[in-house]
Amino acid sequence: MGALAALLASRWVRRLTIGIALIGAVLLFLLNLRRAGETAGRHAERLNQMERQNEIQRRMLEAASTRPRDRDELAERLRDGRF
């Protein structure tokens, strides 16, 4: 046990240990940053899909609001060329 305590007490071992700890912390930070970027990318893609779906549904609702109410109105529109 005395040799281990003496080794840990030396200056270069402490500096090496601190350096390894710093490198490990930086690597963990970079990995977490990468994961956060991937998550943000997935959320952005999901938002784009929702916006596209909402735009399509809005167009469908607009088209449904101007549709002919019955067969007679449809025939009238077809005759007038407004359909």
N, C-alpha and C. Protein backbone atom coordinates (compact mmCIF):
# COMPACT_ATOMS: atom_id res chain seq x y z
N MET A 1 0.81 -1.19 0.00
CA MET A 1 0.00 0.00 0.00
C MET A 1 0.86 1.25 0.00
N GLY A 2 2.02 1.17 0.57
CA GLY A 2 2.90 2.33 0.65
C GLY A 2 3.40 2.74 -0.72
N ALA A 3 3.62 1.75 -1.62
CA ALA A 3 4.10 2.07 -2.96
C ALA A 3 3.02 2.79 -3.77
N LEU A 4 1.79 2.36 -3.59
CA LEU A 4 0.67 3.00 -4.30
C LEU A 4 0.48 4.44 -3.82
N ALA A 5 0.58 4.64 -2.53
CA ALA A 5 0.44 5.99 -1.97
C ALA A 5 1.58 6.87 -2.44
N ALA A 6 2.74 6.32 -2.52
CA ALA A 6 3.90 7.09 -2.99
C ALA A 6 3.75 7.43 -4.47
N LEU A 7 3.21 6.49 -5.25
CA LEU A 7 3.00 6.73 -6.68
C LEU A 7 1.95 7.82 -6.90
N LEU A 8 0.86 7.76 -6.12
CA LEU A 8 -0.19 8.77 -6.25
C LEU A 8 0.27 10.13 -5.73
N ALA A 9 1.25 10.14 -4.86
CA ALA A 9 1.73 11.40 -4.32
C ALA A 9 2.67 12.12 -5.29
N SER A 10 3.19 11.41 -6.27
CA SER A 10 4.14 12.06 -7.18
C SER A 10 3.41 13.05 -8.09
N ARG A 11 4.11 14.10 -8.46
CA ARG A 11 3.54 15.20 -9.22
C ARG A 11 3.10 14.77 -10.62
N TRP A 12 3.91 14.00 -11.32
CA TRP A 12 3.57 13.64 -12.71
C TRP A 12 2.38 12.70 -12.78
N VAL A 13 2.19 11.84 -11.77
CA VAL A 13 1.03 10.95 -11.75
C VAL A 13 -0.24 11.77 -11.55
N ARG A 14 -0.17 12.78 -10.67
CA ARG A 14 -1.34 13.64 -10.46
C ARG A 14 -1.68 14.41 -11.73
N ARG A 15 -0.69 14.94 -12.40
CA ARG A 15 -0.93 15.68 -13.65
C ARG A 15 -1.50 14.76 -14.73
N LEU A 16 -0.97 13.55 -14.81
CA LEU A 16 -1.47 12.58 -15.79
C LEU A 16 -2.93 12.23 -15.48
N THR A 17 -3.24 12.03 -14.21
CA THR A 17 -4.60 11.70 -13.81
C THR A 17 -5.55 12.86 -14.14
N ILE A 18 -5.13 14.07 -13.87
CA ILE A 18 -5.96 15.24 -14.19
C ILE A 18 -6.15 15.36 -15.70
N GLY A 19 -5.08 15.13 -16.46
CA GLY A 19 -5.19 15.19 -17.92
C GLY A 19 -6.14 14.15 -18.47
N ILE A 20 -6.05 12.93 -17.96
CA ILE A 20 -6.96 11.87 -18.40
C ILE A 20 -8.40 12.22 -18.05
N ALA A 21 -8.61 12.77 -16.85
CA ALA A 21 -9.96 13.17 -16.44
C ALA A 21 -10.49 14.29 -17.35
N LEU A 22 -9.66 15.25 -17.70
CA LEU A 22 -10.09 16.33 -18.58
C LEU A 22 -10.43 15.81 -19.97
N ILE A 23 -9.60 14.93 -20.49
CA ILE A 23 -9.86 14.36 -21.81
C ILE A 23 -11.17 13.57 -21.78
N GLY A 24 -11.39 12.81 -20.73
CA GLY A 24 -12.64 12.06 -20.59
C GLY A 24 -13.85 12.98 -20.53
N ALA A 25 -13.72 14.08 -19.79
CA ALA A 25 -14.84 15.02 -19.68
C ALA A 25 -15.15 15.65 -21.03
N VAL A 26 -14.10 16.02 -21.78
CA VAL A 26 -14.31 16.61 -23.10
C VAL A 26 -14.97 15.61 -24.05
N LEU A 27 -14.54 14.36 -24.01
CA LEU A 27 -15.14 13.34 -24.86
C LEU A 27 -16.61 13.11 -24.52
N LEU A 28 -16.92 13.07 -23.23
CA LEU A 28 -18.32 12.91 -22.83
C LEU A 28 -19.16 14.10 -23.28
N PHE A 29 -18.60 15.31 -23.17
CA PHE A 29 -19.31 16.50 -23.62
C PHE A 29 -19.58 16.44 -25.11
N LEU A 30 -18.59 16.03 -25.90
CA LEU A 30 -18.78 15.95 -27.35
C LEU A 30 -19.81 14.89 -27.73
N LEU A 31 -19.78 13.76 -27.05
CA LEU A 31 -20.77 12.73 -27.34
C LEU A 31 -22.19 13.21 -26.99
N ASN A 32 -22.32 13.90 -25.88
CA ASN A 32 -23.63 14.44 -25.50
C ASN A 32 -24.09 15.50 -26.49
N LEU A 33 -23.16 16.32 -26.96
CA LEU A 33 -23.49 17.34 -27.95
C LEU A 33 -23.97 16.70 -29.24
N ARG A 34 -23.32 15.63 -29.65
CA ARG A 34 -23.73 14.93 -30.87
C ARG A 34 -25.14 14.36 -30.72
N ARG A 35 -25.40 13.75 -29.57
CA ARG A 35 -26.73 13.17 -29.34
C ARG A 35 -27.80 14.27 -29.33
N ALA A 36 -27.49 15.40 -28.74
CA ALA A 36 -28.44 16.51 -28.71
C ALA A 36 -28.71 17.02 -30.13
N GLY A 37 -27.68 17.06 -30.97
CA GLY A 37 -27.86 17.48 -32.36
C GLY A 37 -28.74 16.52 -33.14
N GLU A 38 -28.55 15.23 -32.92
CA GLU A 38 -29.38 14.25 -33.61
C GLU A 38 -30.83 14.38 -33.17
N THR A 39 -31.06 14.60 -31.88
CA THR A 39 -32.41 14.76 -31.37
C THR A 39 -33.05 16.01 -31.97
N ALA A 40 -32.30 17.09 -32.04
CA ALA A 40 -32.83 18.33 -32.62
C ALA A 40 -33.17 18.12 -34.10
N GLY A 41 -32.35 17.36 -34.81
CA GLY A 41 -32.63 17.07 -36.21
C GLY A 41 -33.91 16.27 -36.39
N ARG A 42 -34.12 15.30 -35.52
CA ARG A 42 -35.36 14.51 -35.59
C ARG A 42 -36.58 15.38 -35.30
N HIS A 43 -36.45 16.27 -34.31
CA HIS A 43 -37.57 17.15 -34.00
C HIS A 43 -37.85 18.12 -35.15
N ALA A 44 -36.82 18.60 -35.79
CA ALA A 44 -37.01 19.51 -36.93
C ALA A 44 -37.70 18.79 -38.08
N GLU A 45 -37.30 17.55 -38.34
CA GLU A 45 -37.94 16.77 -39.41
C GLU A 45 -39.40 16.51 -39.09
N ARG A 46 -39.69 16.18 -37.83
CA ARG A 46 -41.07 15.94 -37.42
C ARG A 46 -41.91 17.22 -37.58
N LEU A 47 -41.32 18.37 -37.24
CA LEU A 47 -42.03 19.64 -37.40
C LEU A 47 -42.32 19.92 -38.87
N ASN A 48 -41.36 19.66 -39.75
CA ASN A 48 -41.59 19.85 -41.19
C ASN A 48 -42.72 18.96 -41.70
N GLN A 49 -42.75 17.72 -41.25
CA GLN A 49 -43.81 16.81 -41.67
C GLN A 49 -45.17 17.29 -41.17
N MET A 50 -45.23 17.76 -39.94
CA MET A 50 -46.50 18.25 -39.40
C MET A 50 -46.96 19.49 -40.16
N GLU A 51 -46.05 20.39 -40.49
CA GLU A 51 -46.42 21.58 -41.25
C GLU A 51 -46.95 21.20 -42.63
N ARG A 52 -46.30 20.23 -43.27
CA ARG A 52 -46.75 19.78 -44.59
C ARG A 52 -48.14 19.14 -44.49
N GLN A 53 -48.37 18.32 -43.47
CA GLN A 53 -49.67 17.69 -43.30
C GLN A 53 -50.75 18.73 -43.00
N ASN A 54 -50.41 19.73 -42.19
CA ASN A 54 -51.39 20.78 -41.89
C ASN A 54 -51.73 21.59 -43.13
N GLU A 55 -50.75 21.85 -43.97
CA GLU A 55 -51.00 22.58 -45.22
C GLU A 55 -51.93 21.79 -46.14
N ILE A 56 -51.69 20.49 -46.24
CA ILE A 56 -52.54 19.63 -47.08
C ILE A 56 -53.96 19.60 -46.53
N GLN A 57 -54.10 19.48 -45.21
CA GLN A 57 -55.43 19.44 -44.62
C GLN A 57 -56.15 20.78 -44.80
N ARG A 58 -55.41 21.89 -44.70
CA ARG A 58 -56.03 23.20 -44.90
C ARG A 58 -56.55 23.33 -46.33
N ARG A 59 -55.76 22.84 -47.30
CA ARG A 59 -56.22 22.87 -48.70
C ARG A 59 -57.46 22.01 -48.89
N MET A 60 -57.48 20.85 -48.25
CA MET A 60 -58.65 19.97 -48.36
C MET A 60 -59.89 20.64 -47.77
N LEU A 61 -59.73 21.32 -46.64
CA LEU A 61 -60.87 22.00 -46.03
C LEU A 61 -61.35 23.16 -46.89
N GLU A 62 -60.42 23.89 -47.49
CA GLU A 62 -60.81 24.98 -48.39
C GLU A 62 -61.57 24.43 -49.60
N ALA A 63 -61.07 23.32 -50.14
CA ALA A 63 -61.75 22.71 -51.29
C ALA A 63 -63.14 22.21 -50.89
N ALA A 64 -63.25 21.66 -49.70
CA ALA A 64 -64.55 21.15 -49.25
C ALA A 64 -65.54 22.29 -49.01
N SER A 65 -65.04 23.46 -48.65
CA SER A 65 -65.96 24.58 -48.39
C SER A 65 -66.56 25.14 -49.67
N THR A 66 -65.91 24.91 -50.81
CA THR A 66 -66.43 25.43 -52.08
C THR A 66 -67.01 24.33 -52.96
N ARG A 67 -67.21 23.16 -52.40
CA ARG A 67 -67.74 22.05 -53.23
C ARG A 67 -69.22 22.26 -53.50
N PRO A 68 -69.72 21.64 -54.55
CA PRO A 68 -71.16 21.73 -54.83
C PRO A 68 -71.97 21.03 -53.75
N ARG A 69 -73.12 21.60 -53.41
CA ARG A 69 -73.94 21.04 -52.33
C ARG A 69 -74.74 19.83 -52.79
N ASP A 70 -75.14 19.80 -54.05
CA ASP A 70 -75.94 18.67 -54.53
C ASP A 70 -75.64 18.45 -56.02
N ARG A 71 -76.36 17.48 -56.60
CA ARG A 71 -76.11 17.13 -58.00
C ARG A 71 -76.51 18.25 -58.95
N ASP A 72 -77.55 18.95 -58.61
CA ASP A 72 -78.00 20.04 -59.48
C ASP A 72 -76.96 21.15 -59.55
N GLU A 73 -76.39 21.49 -58.40
CA GLU A 73 -75.36 22.54 -58.39
C GLU A 73 -74.11 22.06 -59.15
N LEU A 74 -73.79 20.78 -59.02
CA LEU A 74 -72.65 20.23 -59.76
C LEU A 74 -72.91 20.33 -61.26
N ALA A 75 -74.08 19.95 -61.68
CA ALA A 75 -74.41 20.03 -63.11
C ALA A 75 -74.36 21.47 -63.60
N GLU A 76 -74.86 22.40 -62.79
CA GLU A 76 -74.84 23.81 -63.16
C GLU A 76 -73.40 24.32 -63.31
N ARG A 77 -72.56 23.93 -62.38
CA ARG A 77 -71.15 24.34 -62.47
C ARG A 77 -70.48 23.76 -63.71
N LEU A 78 -70.75 22.51 -64.02
CA LEU A 78 -70.15 21.88 -65.18
C LEU A 78 -70.61 22.58 -66.47
N ARG A 79 -71.88 22.99 -66.52
CA ARG A 79 -72.40 23.70 -67.68
C ARG A 79 -71.74 25.06 -67.86
N ASP A 80 -71.55 25.74 -66.73
CA ASP A 80 -70.96 27.08 -66.77
C ASP A 80 -69.44 27.04 -66.94
N GLY A 81 -68.82 25.89 -66.72
CA GLY A 81 -67.37 25.77 -66.85
C GLY A 81 -66.64 26.32 -65.63
N ARG A 82 -67.30 26.42 -64.50
CA ARG A 82 -66.67 26.93 -63.27
C ARG A 82 -66.07 25.82 -62.42
N PHE A 83 -66.24 24.62 -62.77
CA PHE A 83 -65.76 23.52 -61.94
C PHE A 83 -64.32 23.28 -62.25
